[in-house]
């Protein structure tokens, strides 16, 4: 398993892909639903408009059956009751109007019924119209029969539209009637109880058909309006859902993506670790990668800082590290002791025993200083350069320093080395400067070094090597 794969497996949180794809899919489905609902509402609205238009047309057509039947009845009755003019001629105006109306086939009951059979209206409506048409046809038969009787008395000119009247032939009995009898028979046809009943039935059945048409139209209109209302309510619900989903997407994106990234900026500027437990998985991976990089950089900085502040040969702080420690102490509020050390006979050791022995001498010196002065609560010891070392002890009494120096003398004997030292002390750091302390300690160290050389205090191993003639004359 690669390091990147392992890092992904350790990272918790939802990935952007797993979060956004379902949300965007849901959003697309909702938007498609809105489009579908708009089309469905448009279709229902068109159907509603057509229903209202068709209803008005059907009502007008059904009403024309009653109007036509009434007009035929009125004109025929006028002619039969007043067949002659005052001048003794035939009263052709009513019968001409009758002929014109009878010629309008679209106003005839049979044609209207045939039309309604194609409209898809209810069986009840068709039944009413069929009954009305049947009664209207019986009335027309009676009207034509009456006109034929009157014509046989007064005659009719052979002119349009009179020549198109489908008058029935009179029976042999009717032909033998007198004019007065024929008039009476004609009047009986249009004024009889049967005729009046047929006339009333036409009006009744047409009105029932109209009521049925209106009821059907109202029911269909209510159904379509209800469907449109439900579709609109659903569309508004989906619209609100889209708004809420968009708000959720924005809030989630802000909380899990934008906000963590915005919070990262000041942390990155301040070289601080990022929170790996916030945001989307990708954001957490970025935070984890940055934190890993930050740790590596800090480790590298620590390594470089250690290299810059540490003496490579002895492993203790160098002069830079020592001075840095002193600067970080501050200028007041504590006692301070400065010790300066100088390794004696380093040149003779290099000449007599080799540079490896000289390096060992320097490391031994560092070990002696660390062992004797390093147990102070707050201290720093360093190789100051060449054969010089230094130590700083914070908040240490003079009595403890003397005990440390006694132990340092014994340690030199144990390791068979010769080291000069001098120290300066102040019970309050603000009373003197670091330079003054360093100068005083350095002065005392050189005084001791001079005495040690004058007294010939030399390590045994080095004296033996010199006596064996393995080194040049002179001292360091």
Protein backbone atom coordinates (compact mmCIF):
# COMPACT_ATOMS: atom_id res chain seq x y z
CA UNK A 1 0.00 0.00 0.00
CA UNK A 2 1.39 3.40 -1.00
CA UNK A 3 1.80 6.20 1.52
CA UNK A 4 -0.88 8.24 -0.26
CA UNK A 5 -3.37 5.35 -0.15
CA UNK A 6 -2.65 4.79 3.53
CA UNK A 7 -3.20 8.50 4.19
CA UNK A 8 -6.54 8.37 2.38
CA UNK A 9 -7.64 5.38 4.44
CA UNK A 10 -6.84 7.24 7.66
CA UNK A 11 -8.72 10.36 6.54
CA UNK A 12 -12.30 10.57 7.73
CA UNK A 13 -15.01 12.78 6.29
CA UNK A 14 -17.20 12.74 3.19
CA UNK A 15 -15.53 13.33 -0.14
CA UNK A 16 -16.78 16.10 -2.42
CA UNK A 17 -17.74 13.50 -5.03
CA UNK A 18 -19.86 11.46 -2.64
CA UNK A 19 -21.50 14.59 -1.24
CA UNK A 20 -22.13 16.73 -4.31
CA UNK A 21 -23.02 14.11 -6.95
CA UNK A 22 -26.18 12.90 -5.10
CA UNK A 23 -27.16 16.50 -4.29
CA UNK A 24 -26.65 17.68 -7.87
CA UNK A 25 -28.47 14.60 -9.17
CA UNK A 26 -31.41 15.37 -6.89
CA UNK A 27 -31.32 19.00 -8.05
CA UNK A 28 -31.38 17.92 -11.71
CA UNK A 29 -34.31 15.57 -11.06
CA UNK A 30 -36.24 18.35 -9.31
CA UNK A 31 -35.55 20.77 -12.16
CA UNK A 32 -36.68 18.17 -14.71
CA UNK A 33 -39.82 17.67 -12.60
CA UNK A 34 -40.50 21.41 -12.74
CA UNK A 35 -40.26 21.34 -16.55
CA UNK A 36 -42.56 18.30 -16.71
CA UNK A 37 -45.09 20.00 -14.41
CA UNK A 38 -45.03 23.21 -16.49
CA UNK A 39 -45.77 21.16 -19.62
CA UNK A 40 -48.52 19.21 -17.79
CA UNK A 41 -50.11 22.43 -16.47
CA UNK A 42 -50.01 23.88 -19.98
CA UNK A 43 -51.69 20.77 -21.38
CA UNK A 44 -54.41 20.84 -18.70
CA UNK A 45 -54.95 24.57 -19.26
CA UNK A 46 -55.32 24.01 -23.01
CA UNK A 47 -57.75 21.18 -22.35
CA UNK A 48 -59.70 23.41 -19.96
CA UNK A 49 -59.92 26.16 -22.57
CA UNK A 50 -61.06 23.62 -25.18
CA UNK A 51 -63.65 22.17 -22.78
CA UNK A 52 -65.13 25.60 -22.16
CA UNK A 53 -65.09 26.44 -25.87
CA UNK A 54 -66.63 23.09 -26.86
CA UNK A 55 -69.27 23.39 -24.15
CA UNK A 56 -70.34 26.79 -25.46
CA UNK A 57 -70.41 25.43 -29.02
CA UNK A 58 -72.42 22.33 -28.00
CA UNK A 59 -74.91 24.42 -26.06
CA UNK A 60 -75.33 26.77 -29.01
CA UNK A 61 -75.84 23.85 -31.41
CA UNK A 62 -78.35 22.12 -29.13
CA UNK A 63 -80.20 25.42 -28.65
CA UNK A 64 -80.43 25.76 -32.45
CA UNK A 65 -82.57 22.59 -32.54
CA UNK A 66 -85.14 24.24 -30.29
CA UNK A 67 -84.90 27.58 -32.08
CA UNK A 68 -85.28 25.95 -35.51
CA UNK A 69 -88.18 23.83 -34.37
CA UNK A 70 -89.91 26.85 -32.87
CA UNK A 71 -89.37 28.91 -36.03
CA UNK A 72 -90.74 26.13 -38.24
CA UNK A 73 -93.76 25.75 -35.97
CA UNK A 74 -94.42 29.49 -35.88
CA UNK A 75 -94.12 30.12 -39.65
CA UNK A 76 -96.15 27.03 -40.54
CA UNK A 77 -98.92 27.92 -38.07
CA UNK A 78 -99.05 31.49 -39.41
CA UNK A 79 -99.47 30.18 -42.95
CA UNK A 80 -102.08 27.58 -42.02
CA UNK A 81 -104.12 30.02 -39.96
CA UNK A 82 -103.88 32.84 -42.52
CA UNK A 83 -103.35 31.18 -45.92
CA UNK A 84 -104.73 34.07 -48.01
CA UNK A 85 -104.01 37.71 -48.17
CA UNK A 86 -106.67 40.44 -47.93
CA UNK A 87 -106.60 40.71 -51.71
CA UNK A 88 -107.47 37.06 -52.08
CA UNK A 89 -103.98 35.81 -53.07
CA UNK A 90 -101.84 33.15 -51.32
CA UNK A 91 -99.99 34.37 -48.18
CA UNK A 92 -96.60 33.12 -49.30
CA UNK A 93 -94.38 35.05 -46.84
CA UNK A 94 -94.81 32.70 -43.86
CA UNK A 95 -94.49 29.57 -46.01
CA UNK A 96 -91.40 31.03 -47.76
CA UNK A 97 -89.78 31.65 -44.36
CA UNK A 98 -90.71 28.11 -43.40
CA UNK A 99 -89.14 26.72 -46.56
CA UNK A 100 -85.90 28.65 -45.96
CA UNK A 101 -85.61 27.40 -42.39
CA UNK A 102 -86.43 23.82 -43.39
CA UNK A 103 -83.67 23.95 -45.97
CA UNK A 104 -81.06 24.58 -43.18
CA UNK A 105 -80.08 20.98 -42.56
CA UNK A 106 -77.72 21.92 -39.70
CA UNK A 107 -80.70 23.08 -37.68
CA UNK A 108 -82.52 19.83 -38.19
CA UNK A 109 -82.71 17.44 -35.25
CA UNK A 110 -81.31 14.39 -37.08
CA UNK A 111 -78.19 16.27 -38.18
CA UNK A 112 -77.62 17.70 -34.71
CA UNK A 113 -77.94 14.24 -33.17
CA UNK A 114 -75.46 12.85 -35.73
CA UNK A 115 -73.01 15.61 -34.82
CA UNK A 116 -73.37 15.01 -31.09
CA UNK A 117 -72.69 11.32 -31.55
CA UNK A 118 -69.13 12.33 -32.59
CA UNK A 119 -68.60 14.80 -29.72
CA UNK A 120 -68.22 12.21 -26.98
CA UNK A 121 -71.01 13.57 -24.79
CA UNK A 122 -72.80 11.38 -22.28
CA UNK A 123 -75.53 8.90 -23.21
CA UNK A 124 -78.05 10.93 -21.21
CA UNK A 125 -77.43 14.03 -23.29
CA UNK A 126 -77.72 12.05 -26.54
CA UNK A 127 -80.97 10.47 -25.30
CA UNK A 128 -82.51 13.86 -24.62
CA UNK A 129 -81.46 15.15 -28.04
CA UNK A 130 -82.77 12.05 -29.82
CA UNK A 131 -86.15 12.47 -28.12
CA UNK A 132 -86.22 16.17 -29.05
CA UNK A 133 -85.27 15.38 -32.65
CA UNK A 134 -87.95 12.67 -32.87
CA UNK A 135 -90.66 15.05 -31.64
CA UNK A 136 -89.37 17.80 -33.96
CA UNK A 137 -89.56 15.39 -36.91
CA UNK A 138 -93.16 14.47 -35.98
CA UNK A 139 -93.93 18.20 -35.91
CA UNK A 140 -92.34 18.70 -39.34
CA UNK A 141 -94.36 15.82 -40.76
CA UNK A 142 -97.55 17.43 -39.43
CA UNK A 143 -96.44 20.86 -40.73
CA UNK A 144 -95.73 19.59 -44.24
CA UNK A 145 -99.01 17.70 -44.28
CA UNK A 146 -100.87 20.86 -43.25
CA UNK A 147 -99.06 22.97 -45.89
CA UNK A 148 -99.92 20.36 -48.54
CA UNK A 149 -103.64 20.62 -47.64
CA UNK A 150 -103.54 24.43 -47.80
CA UNK A 151 -101.58 24.37 -51.06
CA UNK A 152 -104.26 22.17 -52.61
CA UNK A 153 -106.76 24.96 -51.88
CA UNK A 154 -104.80 28.13 -52.66
CA UNK A 155 -101.86 26.87 -54.62
CA UNK A 156 -98.17 27.95 -54.34
CA UNK A 157 -96.02 29.56 -56.99
CA UNK A 158 -93.18 27.37 -58.36
CA UNK A 159 -90.37 29.56 -57.05
CA UNK A 160 -87.37 28.94 -54.72
CA UNK A 161 -87.44 28.02 -51.96
CA UNK A 162 -91.07 26.92 -52.23
CA UNK A 163 -90.30 24.50 -55.04
CA UNK A 164 -87.98 22.56 -52.69
CA UNK A 165 -90.59 21.82 -50.05
CA UNK A 166 -90.90 18.02 -49.60
CA UNK A 167 -94.69 18.09 -49.41
CA UNK A 168 -96.45 14.74 -49.01
CA UNK A 169 -99.12 13.54 -51.42
CA UNK A 170 -102.70 13.86 -50.19
CA UNK A 171 -104.79 10.78 -49.69
CA UNK A 172 -107.76 10.04 -51.92
CA UNK A 173 -110.05 10.98 -49.07
CA UNK A 174 -108.33 14.31 -48.58
CA UNK A 175 -108.53 15.06 -52.26
CA UNK A 176 -112.32 14.72 -52.16
CA UNK A 177 -112.61 17.16 -49.26
CA UNK A 178 -113.98 20.67 -49.76
CA UNK A 179 -111.75 23.67 -49.26
CA UNK A 180 -113.29 24.39 -45.91
CA UNK A 181 -112.72 20.79 -44.80
CA UNK A 182 -109.13 20.87 -45.97
CA UNK A 183 -108.47 24.11 -44.03
CA UNK A 184 -110.02 22.61 -40.96
CA UNK A 185 -107.90 19.47 -41.31
CA UNK A 186 -104.73 21.59 -41.75
CA UNK A 187 -105.53 23.62 -38.65
CA UNK A 188 -106.20 20.45 -36.76
CA UNK A 189 -102.74 19.15 -37.61
CA UNK A 190 -100.88 22.21 -36.16
CA UNK A 191 -103.27 22.92 -33.30
CA UNK A 192 -103.92 19.39 -32.09
CA UNK A 193 -102.99 18.13 -28.64
CA UNK A 194 -100.42 15.74 -30.09
CA UNK A 195 -98.72 18.58 -31.93
CA UNK A 196 -98.70 20.73 -28.81
CA UNK A 197 -97.32 17.82 -26.78
CA UNK A 198 -94.51 17.28 -29.32
CA UNK A 199 -93.73 21.00 -29.19
CA UNK A 200 -93.54 20.95 -25.41
CA UNK A 201 -91.41 17.78 -25.46
CA UNK A 202 -88.92 19.40 -27.85
CA UNK A 203 -88.50 22.33 -25.48
CA UNK A 204 -88.30 20.06 -22.43
CA UNK A 205 -85.81 17.58 -23.94
CA UNK A 206 -83.58 20.30 -25.39
CA UNK A 207 -83.46 22.08 -22.01
CA UNK A 208 -82.64 18.77 -20.30
CA UNK A 209 -79.87 18.20 -22.86
CA UNK A 210 -78.55 21.73 -22.21
CA UNK A 211 -78.55 21.12 -18.44
CA UNK A 212 -76.73 17.83 -18.97
CA UNK A 213 -74.15 19.53 -21.22
CA UNK A 214 -73.57 22.24 -18.63
CA UNK A 215 -73.26 19.65 -15.88
CA UNK A 216 -70.74 17.64 -17.92
CA UNK A 217 -68.78 20.80 -18.74
CA UNK A 218 -68.82 21.93 -15.11
CA UNK A 219 -67.66 18.50 -13.91
CA UNK A 220 -64.85 18.36 -16.46
CA UNK A 221 -63.90 21.98 -15.70
CA UNK A 222 -63.80 21.22 -11.97
CA UNK A 223 -61.71 18.11 -12.65
CA UNK A 224 -59.23 20.02 -14.80
CA UNK A 225 -59.07 22.94 -12.36
CA UNK A 226 -58.43 20.49 -9.54
CA UNK A 227 -55.69 18.78 -11.55
CA UNK A 228 -54.14 22.17 -12.41
CA UNK A 229 -54.31 23.19 -8.75
CA UNK A 230 -52.63 19.98 -7.62
CA UNK A 231 -49.94 20.31 -10.28
CA UNK A 232 -49.29 23.92 -9.29
CA UNK A 233 -49.12 22.97 -5.61
CA UNK A 234 -46.66 20.20 -6.48
CA UNK A 235 -44.64 22.63 -8.61
CA UNK A 236 -44.44 25.11 -5.74
CA UNK A 237 -43.45 22.30 -3.38
CA UNK A 238 -40.67 21.24 -5.75
CA UNK A 239 -39.64 24.88 -6.23
CA UNK A 240 -39.34 25.34 -2.46
CA UNK A 241 -37.44 22.04 -2.30
CA UNK A 242 -35.00 23.30 -4.95
CA UNK A 243 -34.49 26.53 -2.98
CA UNK A 244 -33.90 24.59 0.23
CA UNK A 245 -31.58 22.15 -1.56
CA UNK A 246 -29.58 25.03 -3.06
CA UNK A 247 -29.38 26.63 0.39
CA UNK A 248 -28.22 23.30 1.85
CA UNK A 249 -25.61 22.89 -0.90
CA UNK A 250 -24.33 26.43 -0.31
CA UNK A 251 -24.30 26.03 3.49
CA UNK A 252 -22.63 22.63 3.27
CA UNK A 253 -20.07 23.84 0.73
CA UNK A 254 -19.31 26.89 2.87
CA UNK A 255 -19.10 24.91 6.11
CA UNK A 256 -17.13 21.96 4.75
CA UNK A 257 -15.02 23.64 2.06
CA UNK A 258 -14.85 27.43 2.08
CA UNK A 259 -14.84 28.01 5.88
CA UNK A 260 -12.02 25.52 6.58
CA UNK A 261 -9.97 27.00 3.73
CA UNK A 262 -10.57 30.54 5.03
CA UNK A 263 -9.52 29.40 8.51
CA UNK A 264 -6.40 27.77 7.06
CA UNK A 265 -5.03 31.07 5.69
CA UNK A 266 -4.06 32.70 9.03
CA UNK A 267 -2.83 29.38 10.40
CA UNK A 268 -0.56 28.86 7.39
CA UNK A 269 0.70 32.44 7.72
CA UNK A 270 1.51 31.74 11.36
CA UNK A 271 3.19 28.38 10.61
CA UNK A 272 0.58 26.59 12.72
CA UNK A 273 -0.82 23.11 12.21
CA UNK A 274 -4.18 22.79 10.43
CA UNK A 275 -7.24 20.98 11.77
CA UNK A 276 -7.42 17.60 10.02
CA UNK A 277 -10.90 16.82 11.38
CA UNK A 278 -12.93 19.52 9.63
CA UNK A 279 -14.40 19.79 6.17
CA UNK A 280 -14.56 17.46 3.22
CA UNK A 281 -12.18 14.54 2.87
CA UNK A 282 -10.20 16.49 0.25
CA UNK A 283 -9.83 19.45 2.62
CA UNK A 284 -8.66 17.09 5.37
CA UNK A 285 -6.16 15.52 2.99
CA UNK A 286 -4.82 18.98 2.19
CA UNK A 287 -4.60 19.75 5.91
CA UNK A 288 -2.88 16.42 6.56
CA UNK A 289 -0.42 16.96 3.71
CA UNK A 290 0.35 20.48 4.95
CA UNK A 291 0.80 19.28 8.54
CA UNK A 292 3.12 16.55 7.35
CA UNK A 293 5.09 19.09 5.37
CA UNK A 294 5.11 21.44 8.35
CA UNK A 295 6.47 18.67 10.59
CA UNK A 296 9.18 17.90 8.07
CA UNK A 297 10.07 21.56 7.80
CA UNK A 298 10.13 21.94 11.58
CA UNK A 299 12.31 18.86 11.84
CA UNK A 300 14.59 20.28 9.18
CA UNK A 301 14.61 23.67 10.92
CA UNK A 302 15.45 21.94 14.18
CA UNK A 303 18.21 20.02 12.45
CA UNK A 304 19.61 23.17 10.87
CA UNK A 305 19.23 25.09 14.12
CA UNK A 306 20.96 22.31 16.00
CA UNK A 307 23.72 22.24 13.40
CA UNK A 308 24.07 26.02 13.61
CA UNK A 309 24.11 26.06 17.42
CA UNK A 310 26.03 22.82 18.12
CA UNK A 311 29.73 22.15 17.99
CA UNK A 312 30.20 19.21 15.67
CA UNK A 313 33.27 17.77 17.46
CA UNK A 314 32.02 17.83 21.07
CA UNK A 315 28.26 17.74 20.56
CA UNK A 316 27.65 20.67 22.93
CA UNK A 317 26.42 24.16 21.95
CA UNK A 318 28.85 26.40 20.06
CA UNK A 319 29.47 30.08 20.62
CA UNK A 320 26.32 31.07 18.69
CA UNK A 321 24.20 28.76 20.83
CA UNK A 322 25.80 30.11 24.00
CA UNK A 323 25.21 33.76 23.08
CA UNK A 324 21.64 32.95 22.01
CA UNK A 325 21.01 31.41 25.43
CA UNK A 326 22.33 34.53 27.17
CA UNK A 327 20.14 36.84 25.07
CA UNK A 328 17.03 34.80 25.88
CA UNK A 329 17.64 35.10 29.63
CA UNK A 330 16.61 38.74 29.80
CA UNK A 331 18.24 41.63 31.64
CA UNK A 332 17.02 41.34 35.24
CA UNK A 333 15.46 39.23 37.96
CA UNK A 334 18.05 36.47 38.44
CA UNK A 335 21.62 35.72 39.55
CA UNK A 336 24.17 34.63 36.98
CA UNK A 337 27.59 33.02 36.97
CA UNK A 338 29.82 33.00 33.87
CA UNK A 339 32.69 30.46 33.63
CA UNK A 340 35.43 30.55 31.00
CA UNK A 341 37.58 27.43 30.38
CA UNK A 342 40.76 26.93 28.39
CA UNK A 343 42.31 23.57 27.56
CA UNK A 344 45.98 23.48 28.47
CA UNK A 345 48.63 21.81 26.32
CA UNK A 346 46.35 21.20 23.31
CA UNK A 347 49.15 21.96 20.83
CA UNK A 348 51.57 19.65 22.62
CA UNK A 349 48.93 16.90 22.61
CA UNK A 350 48.43 17.30 18.85
CA UNK A 351 52.21 17.24 18.27
CA UNK A 352 52.98 14.36 20.61
CA UNK A 353 49.92 12.13 20.23
CA UNK A 354 48.30 13.32 17.01
CA UNK A 355 45.22 15.32 16.16
CA UNK A 356 42.94 12.43 17.05
CA UNK A 357 44.28 12.69 20.61
CA UNK A 358 43.74 16.46 20.49
CA UNK A 359 40.13 15.94 19.37
CA UNK A 360 39.67 13.42 22.15
CA UNK A 361 41.06 15.94 24.62
CA UNK A 362 38.48 18.50 23.51
CA UNK A 363 35.65 15.96 23.82
CA UNK A 364 36.91 14.95 27.27
CA UNK A 365 36.97 18.60 28.32
CA UNK A 366 33.34 19.00 27.14
CA UNK A 367 32.38 15.88 29.12
CA UNK A 368 34.06 17.19 32.28
CA UNK A 369 32.25 20.53 31.99
CA UNK A 370 28.89 18.82 31.26
CA UNK A 371 29.32 16.38 34.18
CA UNK A 372 30.29 19.02 36.74
CA UNK A 373 28.25 22.04 35.72
CA UNK A 374 25.39 20.52 33.73
CA UNK A 375 23.26 19.54 36.73
CA UNK A 376 22.30 23.15 37.42
CA UNK A 377 18.56 23.81 37.00
CA UNK A 378 19.15 26.37 34.28
CA UNK A 379 22.54 26.37 32.58
CA UNK A 380 24.28 26.35 29.23
CA UNK A 381 27.81 25.17 28.44
CA UNK A 382 29.52 25.50 25.09
CA UNK A 383 32.70 25.28 23.10
CA UNK A 384 33.49 28.91 22.57
CA UNK A 385 36.05 28.26 19.87
CA UNK A 386 39.37 26.42 19.52
CA UNK A 387 40.44 25.31 22.99
CA UNK A 388 38.09 27.70 24.83
CA UNK A 389 34.83 26.68 26.52
CA UNK A 390 32.26 28.63 28.51
CA UNK A 391 29.37 27.97 30.86
CA UNK A 392 26.53 30.12 32.21
CA UNK A 393 24.67 29.15 35.39
CA UNK A 394 21.40 30.90 36.27
CA UNK A 395 20.10 31.30 39.83
CA UNK A 396 23.01 29.40 41.40
CA UNK A 397 24.61 30.35 44.74
CA UNK A 398 28.35 30.92 45.08
CA UNK A 399 28.53 27.97 47.46
CA UNK A 400 27.13 25.64 44.83
CA UNK A 401 29.52 27.02 42.24
CA UNK A 402 32.46 26.28 44.54
CA UNK A 403 31.24 22.72 45.02
CA UNK A 404 30.99 22.35 41.25
CA UNK A 405 34.55 23.66 40.83
CA UNK A 406 35.84 21.19 43.45
CA UNK A 407 34.16 18.39 41.53
CA UNK A 408 35.66 19.78 38.32
CA UNK A 409 39.19 19.54 39.80
CA UNK A 410 38.61 15.92 40.73
CA UNK A 411 37.20 15.19 37.27
CA UNK A 412 40.39 16.56 35.63
CA UNK A 413 42.51 14.21 37.71
CA UNK A 414 40.27 11.32 36.78
CA UNK A 415 40.52 11.97 33.04
CA UNK A 416 44.17 13.11 33.23
CA UNK A 417 43.51 16.52 31.59
CA UNK A 418 44.57 20.07 32.42
CA UNK A 419 41.94 22.82 32.11
CA UNK A 420 42.21 26.43 33.30
CA UNK A 421 39.04 28.22 34.44
CA UNK A 422 37.82 31.45 35.86
CA UNK A 423 34.37 32.68 36.77
CA UNK A 424 32.50 35.87 37.56
CA UNK A 425 29.26 36.10 39.53
CA UNK A 426 26.46 38.62 40.14
CA UNK A 427 23.49 38.16 42.45
CA UNK A 428 21.35 40.42 40.23
CA UNK A 429 21.73 40.39 36.48
CA UNK A 430 20.67 44.03 36.09
CA UNK A 431 23.70 45.20 38.16
CA UNK A 432 26.29 44.37 35.53
CA UNK A 433 26.62 43.66 31.83
CA UNK A 434 27.34 40.36 30.16
CA UNK A 435 30.54 41.78 28.71
CA UNK A 436 31.77 42.76 32.16
CA UNK A 437 31.07 39.27 33.48
CA UNK A 438 32.75 37.64 30.47
CA UNK A 439 35.81 39.87 30.75
CA UNK A 440 36.19 39.23 34.48
CA UNK A 441 35.84 35.45 34.05
CA UNK A 442 38.26 35.49 31.13
CA UNK A 443 40.80 37.51 33.14
CA UNK A 444 40.67 35.07 36.04
CA UNK A 445 41.00 32.13 33.67
CA UNK A 446 44.19 33.52 32.16
CA UNK A 447 45.61 34.19 35.61
CA UNK A 448 45.02 30.58 36.56
CA UNK A 449 46.39 29.35 33.21
CA UNK A 450 49.58 31.32 33.79
CA UNK A 451 50.04 29.84 37.25
CA UNK A 452 49.40 26.31 36.01
CA UNK A 453 52.00 26.65 33.25
CA UNK A 454 54.51 28.19 35.65
CA UNK A 455 53.99 25.30 38.05
CA UNK A 456 54.28 22.77 35.24
CA UNK A 457 50.93 21.12 35.82
CA UNK A 458 50.78 18.75 32.85
CA UNK A 459 48.82 15.53 32.23
CA UNK A 460 50.89 12.42 32.92
CA UNK A 461 50.31 10.83 29.51
CA UNK A 462 51.48 13.99 27.77
CA UNK A 463 54.58 14.33 30.01
CA UNK A 464 55.56 10.77 29.24
CA UNK A 465 55.19 11.38 25.52
CA UNK A 466 57.26 14.54 25.72
CA UNK A 467 59.97 12.87 27.76
CA UNK A 468 60.08 10.18 25.11
CA UNK A 469 60.95 12.92 22.61
CA UNK A 470 57.78 12.63 20.57
CA UNK A 471 56.89 16.34 20.45
CA UNK A 472 58.39 19.70 19.61
CA UNK A 473 59.33 22.30 22.19
CA UNK A 474 57.01 25.10 23.20
CA UNK A 475 53.73 25.28 24.94
CA UNK A 476 50.30 26.41 23.92
